[in-house]
């Protein structure tokens, strides 16, 4: 092999030992959903749009290949004694998925919109 290499390695897909494809996380974000929305840490997320109470759009830096991705989420309210801990997964749901953005809404157990103190999202495809 001659010449210089850029140091970047690109794969079309990861393969497990048994030959099946190994899917990787394509985007992730941890953000504060109260007050001024702020990203704590992220990967492949350019910004968060606050659409109103408990309603957020996660904007991807690099678009997904389609909108058939899985986006597990976790939301917590830390300062409310009535909803301390995890907001039920049945109450945190995808409102809209596109290749460039993932819109999520969070509610309490009574399905009232709430702003979580901590919102975690991972996107797999």
PDB file of N, CA and C in Angstrom:
ATOM      1  N   UNK A   1       0.838  -1.180   0.000  1.00  0.00           N
ATOM      2  CA  UNK A   1       0.000   0.000   0.000  1.00  0.00           C
ATOM      3  C   UNK A   1       0.877   1.235   0.000  1.00  0.00           C
ATOM      4  N   UNK A   2       0.663   2.090  -0.930  1.00  0.00           N
ATOM      5  CA  UNK A   2       1.441   3.311  -0.982  1.00  0.00           C
ATOM      6  C   UNK A   2       0.555   4.518  -0.789  1.00  0.00           C
ATOM      7  N   UNK A   3       1.161   5.659  -0.608  1.00  0.00           N
ATOM      8  CA  UNK A   3       0.403   6.895  -0.479  1.00  0.00           C
ATOM      9  C   UNK A   3       0.005   7.177   0.956  1.00  0.00           C
ATOM     10  N   UNK A   4      -0.632   8.295   1.147  1.00  0.00           N
ATOM     11  CA  UNK A   4      -1.048   8.728   2.490  1.00  0.00           C
ATOM     12  C   UNK A   4      -2.505   8.366   2.726  1.00  0.00           C
ATOM     13  N   UNK A   5      -2.816   8.152   3.978  1.00  0.00           N
ATOM     14  CA  UNK A   5      -4.202   7.892   4.374  1.00  0.00           C
ATOM     15  C   UNK A   5      -4.661   9.035   5.260  1.00  0.00           C
ATOM     16  N   UNK A   6      -5.907   9.358   5.186  1.00  0.00           N
ATOM     17  CA  UNK A   6      -6.442  10.470   5.969  1.00  0.00           C
ATOM     18  C   UNK A   6      -6.613  10.122   7.437  1.00  0.00           C
ATOM     19  N   UNK A   7      -6.577   8.865   7.770  1.00  0.00           N
ATOM     20  CA  UNK A   7      -6.818   8.461   9.153  1.00  0.00           C
ATOM     21  C   UNK A   7      -8.278   8.129   9.412  1.00  0.00           C
ATOM     22  N   UNK A   8      -9.148   8.362   8.440  1.00  0.00           N
ATOM     23  CA  UNK A   8     -10.564   8.053   8.578  1.00  0.00           C
ATOM     24  C   UNK A   8     -10.846   6.672   8.011  1.00  0.00           C
ATOM     25  N   UNK A   9     -11.652   5.926   8.717  1.00  0.00           N
ATOM     26  CA  UNK A   9     -12.070   4.609   8.253  1.00  0.00           C
ATOM     27  C   UNK A   9     -13.573   4.637   8.100  1.00  0.00           C
ATOM     28  N   UNK A  10     -14.070   4.150   6.972  1.00  0.00           N
ATOM     29  CA  UNK A  10     -15.501   4.164   6.712  1.00  0.00           C
ATOM     30  C   UNK A  10     -15.972   2.744   6.441  1.00  0.00           C
ATOM     31  N   UNK A  11     -17.090   2.388   7.107  1.00  0.00           N
ATOM     32  CA  UNK A  11     -17.663   1.057   6.944  1.00  0.00           C
ATOM     33  C   UNK A  11     -19.060   1.171   6.362  1.00  0.00           C
ATOM     34  N   UNK A  12     -19.455   0.212   5.558  1.00  0.00           N
ATOM     35  CA  UNK A  12     -20.834   0.154   5.069  1.00  0.00           C
ATOM     36  C   UNK A  12     -21.738  -0.486   6.106  1.00  0.00           C
ATOM     37  N   UNK A  13     -21.180  -1.269   7.013  1.00  0.00           N
ATOM     38  CA  UNK A  13     -21.978  -1.911   8.063  1.00  0.00           C
ATOM     39  C   UNK A  13     -21.081  -2.708   8.989  1.00  0.00           C
ATOM     40  N   UNK A  14     -21.462  -2.805  10.228  1.00  0.00           N
ATOM     41  CA  UNK A  14     -20.741  -3.601  11.213  1.00  0.00           C
ATOM     42  C   UNK A  14     -21.364  -4.985  11.236  1.00  0.00           C
ATOM     43  N   UNK A  15     -20.537  -6.003  11.301  1.00  0.00           N
ATOM     44  CA  UNK A  15     -21.028  -7.378  11.282  1.00  0.00           C
ATOM     45  C   UNK A  15     -20.652  -8.082  12.581  1.00  0.00           C
ATOM     46  N   UNK A  16     -21.622  -8.764  13.173  1.00  0.00           N
ATOM     47  CA  UNK A  16     -21.379  -9.568  14.376  1.00  0.00           C
ATOM     48  C   UNK A  16     -20.664 -10.856  13.984  1.00  0.00           C
ATOM     49  N   UNK A  17     -20.146 -11.571  14.973  1.00  0.00           N
ATOM     50  CA  UNK A  17     -19.452 -12.840  14.718  1.00  0.00           C
ATOM     51  C   UNK A  17     -20.330 -13.845  13.975  1.00  0.00           C
ATOM     52  N   UNK A  18     -21.654 -13.780  14.190  1.00  0.00           N
ATOM     53  CA  UNK A  18     -22.550 -14.734  13.529  1.00  0.00           C
ATOM     54  C   UNK A  18     -22.981 -14.283  12.129  1.00  0.00           C
ATOM     55  N   UNK A  19     -22.435 -13.147  11.647  1.00  0.00           N
ATOM     56  CA  UNK A  19     -22.756 -12.658  10.308  1.00  0.00           C
ATOM     57  C   UNK A  19     -23.914 -11.679  10.255  1.00  0.00           C
ATOM     58  N   UNK A  20     -24.630 -11.485  11.362  1.00  0.00           N
ATOM     59  CA  UNK A  20     -25.745 -10.539  11.378  1.00  0.00           C
ATOM     60  C   UNK A  20     -25.209  -9.112  11.530  1.00  0.00           C
ATOM     61  N   UNK A  21     -25.990  -8.148  11.076  1.00  0.00           N
ATOM     62  CA  UNK A  21     -25.556  -6.753  11.160  1.00  0.00           C
ATOM     63  C   UNK A  21     -25.645  -6.257  12.598  1.00  0.00           C
ATOM     64  N   UNK A  22     -24.672  -5.462  12.995  1.00  0.00           N
ATOM     65  CA  UNK A  22     -24.615  -4.874  14.326  1.00  0.00           C
ATOM     66  C   UNK A  22     -24.953  -3.391  14.178  1.00  0.00           C
ATOM     67  N   UNK A  23     -26.119  -2.995  14.618  1.00  0.00           N
ATOM     68  CA  UNK A  23     -26.579  -1.620  14.447  1.00  0.00           C
ATOM     69  C   UNK A  23     -26.010  -0.736  15.540  1.00  0.00           C
ATOM     70  N   UNK A  24     -25.640   0.477  15.171  1.00  0.00           N
ATOM     71  CA  UNK A  24     -25.027   1.426  16.087  1.00  0.00           C
ATOM     72  C   UNK A  24     -25.971   2.596  16.352  1.00  0.00           C
ATOM     73  N   UNK A  25     -25.705   3.260  17.446  1.00  0.00           N
ATOM     74  CA  UNK A  25     -26.447   4.475  17.778  1.00  0.00           C
ATOM     75  C   UNK A  25     -26.065   5.552  16.759  1.00  0.00           C
ATOM     76  N   UNK A  26     -27.055   6.123  16.073  1.00  0.00           N
ATOM     77  CA  UNK A  26     -26.806   7.126  15.027  1.00  0.00           C
ATOM     78  C   UNK A  26     -26.853   8.553  15.565  1.00  0.00           C
ATOM     79  N   UNK A  27     -27.513   8.743  16.712  1.00  0.00           N
ATOM     80  CA  UNK A  27     -27.573  10.059  17.346  1.00  0.00           C
ATOM     81  C   UNK A  27     -27.984   9.861  18.803  1.00  0.00           C
ATOM     82  N   UNK A  28     -27.558  10.777  19.652  1.00  0.00           N
ATOM     83  CA  UNK A  28     -27.962  10.726  21.060  1.00  0.00           C
ATOM     84  C   UNK A  28     -27.864  12.132  21.643  1.00  0.00           C
ATOM     85  N   UNK A  29     -28.649  12.368  22.678  1.00  0.00           N
ATOM     86  CA  UNK A  29     -28.599  13.676  23.330  1.00  0.00           C
ATOM     87  C   UNK A  29     -29.106  13.562  24.768  1.00  0.00           C
ATOM     88  N   UNK A  30     -28.502  14.347  25.632  1.00  0.00           N
ATOM     89  CA  UNK A  30     -28.953  14.545  27.010  1.00  0.00           C
ATOM     90  C   UNK A  30     -29.171  16.047  27.128  1.00  0.00           C
ATOM     91  N   UNK A  31     -30.413  16.469  27.441  1.00  0.00           N
ATOM     92  CA  UNK A  31     -30.666  17.904  27.527  1.00  0.00           C
ATOM     93  C   UNK A  31     -31.598  18.255  28.671  1.00  0.00           C
ATOM     94  N   UNK A  32     -31.524  19.516  29.067  1.00  0.00           N
ATOM     95  CA  UNK A  32     -32.371  20.099  30.098  1.00  0.00           C
ATOM     96  C   UNK A  32     -33.612  20.633  29.405  1.00  0.00           C
ATOM     97  N   UNK A  33     -34.792  20.143  29.786  1.00  0.00           N
ATOM     98  CA  UNK A  33     -36.027  20.562  29.143  1.00  0.00           C
ATOM     99  C   UNK A  33     -36.763  21.673  29.865  1.00  0.00           C
ATOM    100  N   UNK A  34     -36.174  22.212  30.938  1.00  0.00           N
ATOM    101  CA  UNK A  34     -36.841  23.281  31.690  1.00  0.00           C
ATOM    102  C   UNK A  34     -36.203  24.629  31.390  1.00  0.00           C
ATOM    103  N   UNK A  35     -36.991  25.707  31.526  1.00  0.00           N
ATOM    104  CA  UNK A  35     -36.457  27.045  31.278  1.00  0.00           C
ATOM    105  C   UNK A  35     -35.926  27.150  29.859  1.00  0.00           C
ATOM    106  N   UNK A  36     -34.711  27.662  29.725  1.00  0.00           N
ATOM    107  CA  UNK A  36     -34.063  27.709  28.418  1.00  0.00           C
ATOM    108  C   UNK A  36     -33.481  26.330  28.146  1.00  0.00           C
ATOM    109  N   UNK A  37     -33.998  25.658  27.129  1.00  0.00           N
ATOM    110  CA  UNK A  37     -33.553  24.302  26.799  1.00  0.00           C
ATOM    111  C   UNK A  37     -32.064  24.331  26.474  1.00  0.00           C
ATOM    112  N   UNK A  38     -31.328  23.384  27.076  1.00  0.00           N
ATOM    113  CA  UNK A  38     -29.879  23.361  26.879  1.00  0.00           C
ATOM    114  C   UNK A  38     -29.389  21.927  26.725  1.00  0.00           C
ATOM    115  N   UNK A  39     -28.580  21.700  25.710  1.00  0.00           N
ATOM    116  CA  UNK A  39     -27.955  20.396  25.502  1.00  0.00           C
ATOM    117  C   UNK A  39     -26.787  20.264  26.475  1.00  0.00           C
ATOM    118  N   UNK A  40     -26.792  19.175  27.254  1.00  0.00           N
ATOM    119  CA  UNK A  40     -25.666  18.888  28.137  1.00  0.00           C
ATOM    120  C   UNK A  40     -24.546  18.194  27.368  1.00  0.00           C
ATOM    121  N   UNK A  41     -24.915  17.213  26.568  1.00  0.00           N
ATOM    122  CA  UNK A  41     -23.966  16.453  25.754  1.00  0.00           C
ATOM    123  C   UNK A  41     -24.752  15.796  24.629  1.00  0.00           C
ATOM    124  N   UNK A  42     -24.073  15.546  23.498  1.00  0.00           N
ATOM    125  CA  UNK A  42     -24.795  14.955  22.363  1.00  0.00           C
ATOM    126  C   UNK A  42     -23.829  14.405  21.327  1.00  0.00           C
ATOM    127  N   UNK A  43     -24.385  13.640  20.410  1.00  0.00           N
ATOM    128  CA  UNK A  43     -23.676  13.154  19.243  1.00  0.00           C
ATOM    129  C   UNK A  43     -24.632  13.177  18.059  1.00  0.00           C
ATOM    130  N   UNK A  44     -24.260  13.802  16.966  1.00  0.00           N
ATOM    131  CA  UNK A  44     -25.073  13.943  15.760  1.00  0.00           C
ATOM    132  C   UNK A  44     -26.381  14.697  16.010  1.00  0.00           C
ATOM    133  N   UNK A  45     -26.374  15.593  16.983  1.00  0.00           N
ATOM    134  CA  UNK A  45     -27.524  16.457  17.251  1.00  0.00           C
ATOM    135  C   UNK A  45     -27.034  17.894  17.145  1.00  0.00           C
ATOM    136  N   UNK A  46     -27.637  18.660  16.232  1.00  0.00           N
ATOM    137  CA  UNK A  46     -27.205  20.042  16.021  1.00  0.00           C
ATOM    138  C   UNK A  46     -27.867  21.010  16.983  1.00  0.00           C
ATOM    139  N   UNK A  47     -29.133  20.717  17.355  1.00  0.00           N
ATOM    140  CA  UNK A  47     -29.859  21.627  18.242  1.00  0.00           C
ATOM    141  C   UNK A  47     -31.148  20.968  18.717  1.00  0.00           C
ATOM    142  N   UNK A  48     -31.758  21.597  19.720  1.00  0.00           N
ATOM    143  CA  UNK A  48     -33.075  21.200  20.229  1.00  0.00           C
ATOM    144  C   UNK A  48     -33.994  22.397  20.046  1.00  0.00           C
ATOM    145  N   UNK A  49     -35.174  22.168  19.498  1.00  0.00           N
ATOM    146  CA  UNK A  49     -36.182  23.219  19.367  1.00  0.00           C
ATOM    147  C   UNK A  49     -37.232  23.001  20.448  1.00  0.00           C
ATOM    148  N   UNK A  50     -37.516  24.044  21.222  1.00  0.00           N
ATOM    149  CA  UNK A  50     -38.546  23.985  22.260  1.00  0.00           C
ATOM    150  C   UNK A  50     -39.853  24.452  21.624  1.00  0.00           C
ATOM    151  N   UNK A  51     -40.796  23.524  21.415  1.00  0.00           N
ATOM    152  CA  UNK A  51     -42.066  23.832  20.757  1.00  0.00           C
ATOM    153  C   UNK A  51     -43.170  24.218  21.735  1.00  0.00           C
ATOM    154  N   UNK A  52     -42.862  24.245  23.032  1.00  0.00           N
ATOM    155  CA  UNK A  52     -43.855  24.513  24.062  1.00  0.00           C
ATOM    156  C   UNK A  52     -43.650  23.537  25.210  1.00  0.00           C
ATOM    157  N   UNK A  53     -44.516  23.574  26.193  1.00  0.00           N
ATOM    158  CA  UNK A  53     -44.366  22.729  27.374  1.00  0.00           C
ATOM    159  C   UNK A  53     -44.329  21.254  26.987  1.00  0.00           C
ATOM    160  N   UNK A  54     -43.233  20.584  27.354  1.00  0.00           N
ATOM    161  CA  UNK A  54     -43.087  19.151  27.114  1.00  0.00           C
ATOM    162  C   UNK A  54     -42.970  18.739  25.659  1.00  0.00           C
ATOM    163  N   UNK A  55     -42.730  19.658  24.758  1.00  0.00           N
ATOM    164  CA  UNK A  55     -42.727  19.388  23.314  1.00  0.00           C
ATOM    165  C   UNK A  55     -41.407  19.871  22.709  1.00  0.00           C
ATOM    166  N   UNK A  56     -40.598  18.932  22.208  1.00  0.00           N
ATOM    167  CA  UNK A  56     -39.260  19.259  21.724  1.00  0.00           C
ATOM    168  C   UNK A  56     -39.005  18.615  20.377  1.00  0.00           C
ATOM    169  N   UNK A  57     -38.188  19.261  19.571  1.00  0.00           N
ATOM    170  CA  UNK A  57     -37.710  18.664  18.330  1.00  0.00           C
ATOM    171  C   UNK A  57     -36.196  18.560  18.413  1.00  0.00           C
ATOM    172  N   UNK A  58     -35.694  17.334  18.211  1.00  0.00           N
ATOM    173  CA  UNK A  58     -34.266  17.078  18.181  1.00  0.00           C
ATOM    174  C   UNK A  58     -33.844  17.139  16.712  1.00  0.00           C
ATOM    175  N   UNK A  59     -32.945  18.040  16.395  1.00  0.00           N
ATOM    176  CA  UNK A  59     -32.487  18.245  15.015  1.00  0.00           C
ATOM    177  C   UNK A  59     -31.151  17.533  14.816  1.00  0.00           C
ATOM    178  N   UNK A  60     -31.077  16.681  13.789  1.00  0.00           N
ATOM    179  CA  UNK A  60     -29.873  15.905  13.530  1.00  0.00           C
ATOM    180  C   UNK A  60     -28.861  16.708  12.723  1.00  0.00           C
ATOM    181  N   UNK A  61     -27.592  16.521  13.028  1.00  0.00           N
ATOM    182  CA  UNK A  61     -26.513  17.134  12.249  1.00  0.00           C
ATOM    183  C   UNK A  61     -26.440  16.464  10.881  1.00  0.00           C
ATOM    184  N   UNK A  62     -26.420  15.129  10.868  1.00  0.00           N
ATOM    185  CA  UNK A  62     -26.433  14.339   9.638  1.00  0.00           C
ATOM    186  C   UNK A  62     -27.752  13.571   9.605  1.00  0.00           C
ATOM    187  N   UNK A  63     -28.489  13.705   8.532  1.00  0.00           N
ATOM    188  CA  UNK A  63     -29.817  13.100   8.422  1.00  0.00           C
ATOM    189  C   UNK A  63     -29.761  11.571   8.489  1.00  0.00           C
ATOM    190  N   UNK A  64     -30.846  10.981   8.957  1.00  0.00           N
ATOM    191  CA  UNK A  64     -31.005   9.533   8.944  1.00  0.00           C
ATOM    192  C   UNK A  64     -31.317   9.093   7.507  1.00  0.00           C
ATOM    193  N   UNK A  65     -31.099   7.822   7.199  1.00  0.00           N
ATOM    194  CA  UNK A  65     -31.372   7.329   5.842  1.00  0.00           C
ATOM    195  C   UNK A  65     -32.866   7.291   5.546  1.00  0.00           C
ATOM    196  N   UNK A  66     -33.682   7.137   6.581  1.00  0.00           N
ATOM    197  CA  UNK A  66     -35.137   7.182   6.459  1.00  0.00           C
ATOM    198  C   UNK A  66     -35.691   7.448   7.851  1.00  0.00           C
ATOM    199  N   UNK A  67     -37.001   7.458   7.981  1.00  0.00           N
ATOM    200  CA  UNK A  67     -37.603   7.750   9.290  1.00  0.00           C
ATOM    201  C   UNK A  67     -38.005   6.487  10.045  1.00  0.00           C
ATOM    202  N   UNK A  68     -37.466   5.339   9.638  1.00  0.00           N
ATOM    203  CA  UNK A  68     -37.795   4.068  10.289  1.00  0.00           C
ATOM    204  C   UNK A  68     -36.819   3.723  11.407  1.00  0.00           C
ATOM    205  N   UNK A  69     -36.342   4.725  12.121  1.00  0.00           N
ATOM    206  CA  UNK A  69     -35.410   4.502  13.213  1.00  0.00           C
ATOM    207  C   UNK A  69     -36.153   4.294  14.530  1.00  0.00           C
ATOM    208  N   UNK A  70     -35.423   3.769  15.495  1.00  0.00           N
ATOM    209  CA  UNK A  70     -35.954   3.602  16.844  1.00  0.00           C
ATOM    210  C   UNK A  70     -35.314   4.662  17.721  1.00  0.00           C
ATOM    211  N   UNK A  71     -36.110   5.323  18.530  1.00  0.00           N
ATOM    212  CA  UNK A  71     -35.588   6.401  19.365  1.00  0.00           C
ATOM    213  C   UNK A  71     -36.025   6.275  20.806  1.00  0.00           C
ATOM    214  N   UNK A  72     -35.439   5.337  21.564  1.00  0.00           N
ATOM    215  CA  UNK A  72     -35.818   5.215  22.972  1.00  0.00           C
ATOM    216  C   UNK A  72     -35.496   6.489  23.745  1.00  0.00           C
ATOM    217  N   UNK A  73     -36.382   6.836  24.670  1.00  0.00           N
ATOM    218  CA  UNK A  73     -36.216   8.070  25.447  1.00  0.00           C
ATOM    219  C   UNK A  73     -36.398   7.799  26.933  1.00  0.00           C
ATOM    220  N   UNK A  74     -35.840   8.689  27.720  1.00  0.00           N
ATOM    221  CA  UNK A  74     -36.019   8.678  29.167  1.00  0.00           C
ATOM    222  C   UNK A  74     -36.174  10.124  29.592  1.00  0.00           C
ATOM    223  N   UNK A  75     -37.148  10.399  30.441  1.00  0.00           N
ATOM    224  CA  UNK A  75     -37.363  11.760  30.921  1.00  0.00           C
ATOM    225  C   UNK A  75     -37.555  11.731  32.429  1.00  0.00           C
ATOM    226  N   UNK A  76     -36.987  12.724  33.110  1.00  0.00           N
ATOM    227  CA  UNK A  76     -37.107  12.805  34.563  1.00  0.00           C
ATOM    228  C   UNK A  76     -37.424  14.223  34.987  1.00  0.00           C
ATOM    229  N   UNK A  77     -38.281  14.319  35.997  1.00  0.00           N
ATOM    230  CA  UNK A  77     -38.516  15.592  36.679  1.00  0.00           C
ATOM    231  C   UNK A  77     -37.936  15.421  38.067  1.00  0.00           C
ATOM    232  N   UNK A  78     -36.959  16.217  38.396  1.00  0.00           N
ATOM    233  CA  UNK A  78     -36.227  16.032  39.637  1.00  0.00           C
ATOM    234  C   UNK A  78     -36.737  16.885  40.788  1.00  0.00           C
ATOM    235  N   UNK A  79     -37.406  17.979  40.513  1.00  0.00           N
ATOM    236  CA  UNK A  79     -37.774  18.932  41.556  1.00  0.00           C
ATOM    237  C   UNK A  79     -39.258  18.958  41.902  1.00  0.00           C
ATOM    238  N   UNK A  80     -40.022  18.023  41.388  1.00  0.00           N
ATOM    239  CA  UNK A  80     -41.461  17.992  41.630  1.00  0.00           C
ATOM    240  C   UNK A  80     -41.782  16.749  42.450  1.00  0.00           C
ATOM    241  N   UNK A  81     -42.165  16.935  43.708  1.00  0.00           N
ATOM    242  CA  UNK A  81     -42.388  15.784  44.590  1.00  0.00           C
ATOM    243  C   UNK A  81     -43.501  14.864  44.098  1.00  0.00           C
ATOM    244  N   UNK A  82     -44.386  15.365  43.242  1.00  0.00           N
ATOM    245  CA  UNK A  82     -45.483  14.539  42.753  1.00  0.00           C
ATOM    246  C   UNK A  82     -45.089  13.687  41.549  1.00  0.00           C
ATOM    247  N   UNK A  83     -44.019  14.053  40.858  1.00  0.00           N
ATOM    248  CA  UNK A  83     -43.614  13.281  39.680  1.00  0.00           C
ATOM    249  C   UNK A  83     -42.121  12.990  39.716  1.00  0.00           C
ATOM    250  N   UNK A  84     -41.528  12.978  40.909  1.00  0.00           N
ATOM    251  CA  UNK A  84     -40.097  12.719  41.042  1.00  0.00           C
ATOM    252  C   UNK A  84     -39.757  11.363  40.436  1.00  0.00           C
ATOM    253  N   UNK A  85     -38.630  11.302  39.746  1.00  0.00           N
ATOM    254  CA  UNK A  85     -38.210  10.057  39.119  1.00  0.00           C
ATOM    255  C   UNK A  85     -38.607  10.028  37.662  1.00  0.00           C
ATOM    256  N   UNK A  86     -38.625   8.851  37.113  1.00  0.00           N
ATOM    257  CA  UNK A  86     -38.903   8.703  35.690  1.00  0.00           C
ATOM    258  C   UNK A  86     -40.342   9.036  35.355  1.00  0.00           C
ATOM    259  N   UNK A  87     -40.513   9.755  34.272  1.00  0.00           N
ATOM    260  CA  UNK A  87     -41.837   9.950  33.692  1.00  0.00           C
ATOM    261  C   UNK A  87     -42.106   8.667  32.926  1.00  0.00           C
ATOM    262  N   UNK A  88     -43.242   8.068  33.111  1.00  0.00           N
ATOM    263  CA  UNK A  88     -43.521   6.769  32.507  1.00  0.00           C
ATOM    264  C   UNK A  88     -43.279   6.738  31.009  1.00  0.00           C
ATOM    265  N   UNK A  89     -42.725   5.625  30.532  1.00  0.00           N
ATOM    266  CA  UNK A  89     -42.431   5.518  29.103  1.00  0.00           C
ATOM    267  C   UNK A  89     -43.703   5.634  28.272  1.00  0.00           C
ATOM    268  N   UNK A  90     -44.841   5.250  28.839  1.00  0.00           N
ATOM    269  CA  UNK A  90     -46.089   5.385  28.111  1.00  0.00           C
ATOM    270  C   UNK A  90     -46.470   6.852  27.969  1.00  0.00           C
ATOM    271  N   UNK A  91     -45.825   7.716  28.744  1.00  0.00           N
ATOM    272  CA  UNK A  91     -46.175   9.130  28.714  1.00  0.00           C
ATOM    273  C   UNK A  91     -45.117   9.979  28.013  1.00  0.00           C
ATOM    274  N   UNK A  92     -44.099   9.348  27.459  1.00  0.00           N
ATOM    275  CA  UNK A  92     -43.094  10.045  26.669  1.00  0.00           C
ATOM    276  C   UNK A  92     -43.125   9.403  25.294  1.00  0.00           C
ATOM    277  N   UNK A  93     -43.482  10.156  24.289  1.00  0.00           N
ATOM    278  CA  UNK A  93     -43.733   9.515  23.009  1.00  0.00           C
ATOM    279  C   UNK A  93     -43.287  10.368  21.831  1.00  0.00           C
ATOM    280  N   UNK A  94     -43.104   9.711  20.710  1.00  0.00           N
ATOM    281  CA  UNK A  94     -42.725  10.397  19.481  1.00  0.00           C
ATOM    282  C   UNK A  94     -43.953  11.037  18.859  1.00  0.00           C
ATOM    283  N   UNK A  95     -43.867  12.315  18.599  1.00  0.00           N
ATOM    284  CA  UNK A  95     -44.965  13.010  17.939  1.00  0.00           C
ATOM    285  C   UNK A  95     -44.775  13.011  16.426  1.00  0.00           C
ATOM    286  N   UNK A  96     -43.495  12.994  15.989  1.00  0.00           N
ATOM    287  CA  UNK A  96     -43.213  13.016  14.565  1.00  0.00           C
ATOM    288  C   UNK A  96     -41.751  12.636  14.344  1.00  0.00           C
ATOM    289  N   UNK A  97     -41.499  11.780  13.349  1.00  0.00           N
ATOM    290  CA  UNK A  97     -40.140  11.397  12.994  1.00  0.00           C
ATOM    291  C   UNK A  97     -39.914  11.696  11.521  1.00  0.00           C
ATOM    292  N   UNK A  98     -38.832  12.407  11.222  1.00  0.00           N
ATOM    293  CA  UNK A  98     -38.408  12.640   9.843  1.00  0.00           C
ATOM    294  C   UNK A  98     -36.931  12.262   9.752  1.00  0.00           C
ATOM    295  N   UNK A  99     -36.362  12.342   8.578  1.00  0.00           N
ATOM    296  CA  UNK A  99     -34.941  12.021   8.436  1.00  0.00           C
ATOM    297  C   UNK A  99     -34.051  13.071   9.092  1.00  0.00           C
ATOM    298  N   UNK A 100     -34.545  14.292   9.241  1.00  0.00           N
ATOM    299  CA  UNK A 100     -33.720  15.372   9.784  1.00  0.00           C
ATOM    300  C   UNK A 100     -34.047  15.762  11.216  1.00  0.00           C
ATOM    301  N   UNK A 101     -35.159  15.252  11.762  1.00  0.00           N
ATOM    302  CA  UNK A 101     -35.554  15.658  13.108  1.00  0.00           C
ATOM    303  C   UNK A 101     -36.481  14.625  13.758  1.00  0.00           C
ATOM    304  N   UNK A 102     -36.482  14.651  15.073  1.00  0.00           N
ATOM    305  CA  UNK A 102     -37.297  13.727  15.877  1.00  0.00           C
ATOM    306  C   UNK A 102     -38.044  14.570  16.897  1.00  0.00           C
ATOM    307  N   UNK A 103     -39.373  14.653  16.772  1.00  0.00           N
ATOM    308  CA  UNK A 103     -40.180  15.461  17.694  1.00  0.00           C
ATOM    309  C   UNK A 103     -40.744  14.573  18.782  1.00  0.00           C
ATOM    310  N   UNK A 104     -40.551  14.996  20.029  1.00  0.00           N
ATOM    311  CA  UNK A 104     -40.972  14.226  21.202  1.00  0.00           C
ATOM    312  C   UNK A 104     -41.841  15.075  22.107  1.00  0.00           C
ATOM    313  N   UNK A 105     -42.721  14.395  22.829  1.00  0.00           N
ATOM    314  CA  UNK A 105     -43.552  15.083  23.811  1.00  0.00           C
ATOM    315  C   UNK A 105     -43.520  14.306  25.114  1.00  0.00           C
ATOM    316  N   UNK A 106     -43.454  15.016  26.236  1.00  0.00           N
ATOM    317  CA  UNK A 106     -43.410  14.394  27.557  1.00  0.00           C
ATOM    318  C   UNK A 106     -44.625  14.828  28.364  1.00  0.00           C
ATOM    319  N   UNK A 107     -45.239  13.867  29.040  1.00  0.00           N
ATOM    320  CA  UNK A 107     -46.391  14.150  29.897  1.00  0.00           C
ATOM    321  C   UNK A 107     -46.214  13.432  31.223  1.00  0.00           C
ATOM    322  N   UNK A 108     -46.956  13.879  32.224  1.00  0.00           N
ATOM    323  CA  UNK A 108     -46.961  13.177  33.496  1.00  0.00           C
ATOM    324  C   UNK A 108     -47.941  12.013  33.409  1.00  0.00           C
ATOM    325  N   UNK A 109     -48.151  11.316  34.515  1.00  0.00           N
ATOM    326  CA  UNK A 109     -49.021  10.132  34.497  1.00  0.00           C
ATOM    327  C   UNK A 109     -50.473  10.467  34.162  1.00  0.00           C
ATOM    328  N   UNK A 110     -50.856  11.739  34.294  1.00  0.00           N
ATOM    329  CA  UNK A 110     -52.203  12.173  33.919  1.00  0.00           C
ATOM    330  C   UNK A 110     -52.265  12.696  32.496  1.00  0.00           C
ATOM    331  N   UNK A 111     -51.166  12.508  31.743  1.00  0.00           N
ATOM    332  CA  UNK A 111     -51.038  12.948  30.355  1.00  0.00           C
ATOM    333  C   UNK A 111     -51.125  14.464  30.199  1.00  0.00           C
ATOM    334  N   UNK A 112     -50.631  15.180  31.230  1.00  0.00           N
ATOM    335  CA  UNK A 112     -50.492  16.627  31.159  1.00  0.00           C
ATOM    336  C   UNK A 112     -49.069  16.932  30.710  1.00  0.00           C
ATOM    337  N   UNK A 113     -48.905  17.842  29.767  1.00  0.00           N
ATOM    338  CA  UNK A 113     -47.574  18.187  29.262  1.00  0.00           C
ATOM    339  C   UNK A 113     -46.690  18.705  30.389  1.00  0.00           C
ATOM    340  N   UNK A 114     -45.445  18.217  30.449  1.00  0.00           N
ATOM    341  CA  UNK A 114     -44.479  18.650  31.456  1.00  0.00           C
ATOM    342  C   UNK A 114     -43.109  18.848  30.813  1.00  0.00           C
ATOM    343  N   UNK A 115     -42.334  19.754  31.393  1.00  0.00           N
ATOM    344  CA  UNK A 115     -40.952  19.963  30.978  1.00  0.00           C
ATOM    345  C   UNK A 115     -40.046  19.151  31.896  1.00  0.00           C
ATOM    346  N   UNK A 116     -39.384  18.117  31.385  1.00  0.00           N
ATOM    347  CA  UNK A 116     -38.484  17.327  32.218  1.00  0.00           C
ATOM    348  C   UNK A 116     -37.185  18.073  32.517  1.00  0.00           C
ATOM    349  N   UNK A 117     -36.638  17.829  33.704  1.00  0.00           N
ATOM    350  CA  UNK A 117     -35.325  18.391  34.045  1.00  0.00           C
ATOM    351  C   UNK A 117     -34.233  17.703  33.241  1.00  0.00           C
ATOM    352  N   UNK A 118     -34.435  16.426  32.953  1.00  0.00           N
ATOM    353  CA  UNK A 118     -33.450  15.680  32.190  1.00  0.00           C
ATOM    354  C   UNK A 118     -34.167  14.857  31.144  1.00  0.00           C
ATOM    355  N   UNK A 119     -33.735  14.994  29.902  1.00  0.00           N
ATOM    356  CA  UNK A 119     -34.310  14.238  28.794  1.00  0.00           C
ATOM    357  C   UNK A 119     -33.148  13.538  28.088  1.00  0.00           C
ATOM    358  N   UNK A 120     -33.241  12.228  27.932  1.00  0.00           N
ATOM    359  CA  UNK A 120     -32.220  11.436  27.247  1.00  0.00           C
ATOM    360  C   UNK A 120     -32.852  10.740  26.052  1.00  0.00           C
ATOM    361  N   UNK A 121     -32.197  10.809  24.908  1.00  0.00           N
ATOM    362  CA  UNK A 121     -32.699  10.197  23.688  1.00  0.00           C
ATOM    363  C   UNK A 121     -31.538   9.532  22.961  1.00  0.00           C
ATOM    364  N   UNK A 122     -31.765   8.327  22.456  1.00  0.00           N
ATOM    365  CA  UNK A 122     -30.789   7.642  21.607  1.00  0.00           C
ATOM    366  C   UNK A 122     -31.517   7.181  20.353  1.00  0.00           C
ATOM    367  N   UNK A 123     -30.885   7.316  19.197  1.00  0.00           N
ATOM    368  CA  UNK A 123     -31.527   6.969  17.930  1.00  0.00           C
ATOM    369  C   UNK A 123     -30.715   5.844  17.275  1.00  0.00           C
ATOM    370  N   UNK A 124     -31.398   4.737  16.985  1.00  0.00           N
ATOM    371  CA  UNK A 124     -30.770   3.580  16.363  1.00  0.00           C
ATOM    372  C   UNK A 124     -31.403   3.312  15.000  1.00  0.00           C
ATOM    373  N   UNK A 125     -30.572   2.926  14.023  1.00  0.00           N
ATOM    374  CA  UNK A 125     -31.072   2.558  12.690  1.00  0.00           C
ATOM    375  C   UNK A 125     -30.087   1.610  12.054  1.00  0.00           C
TER     376      UNK A 125
END
